[in-house]
Amino acid sequence: MRKIVFFLILGLAFSFYACDDNNGNGNEDESYLEEFIGVNIELDTISMLDTTRVTAHATGTNLVYYWQTSSNAPLIPIEGVDSVVLFYADPCLNPGKKYVDCTIIADNREETKRDSIILIAN
């Protein structure tokens, strides 16, 4: 009788472990956005053909960064650093104020911040 109870308890313990979604690994794939502080453009005024660094400041884990511009200006990714891109002042762009948006996507929420840059003709 003791053996039956022992194996029954052992079987229940394994079944509870098997039903655990994390299987003891934690939530390694979950992303969590704590705070999106903002987007910062290193130089707020640049000439055509110049570049400037654009940085998104945020805290969290496994964040996904999605970058875009109001003028379809090229944004050059920096390998291995999703939170930083280079804004390239393409000569096909018209001078004036341009906007760079960064959207951070996480499991708990999605948030977008924007900063502006002035392009001047040479």
Foldseek 3Di string as FASTA:
>chain_A
DVVVVVVVVVVVVVVVLVPDPCSPVPPQPFKDWDDWPAKDWPAQEDEAQDKTKIFTDTDIPPKAKDKQKPQRFDWADDPPDRRMTMGHRHPVDDFAKMKMKIWIDGPVDIDIHMDIHTYDYD
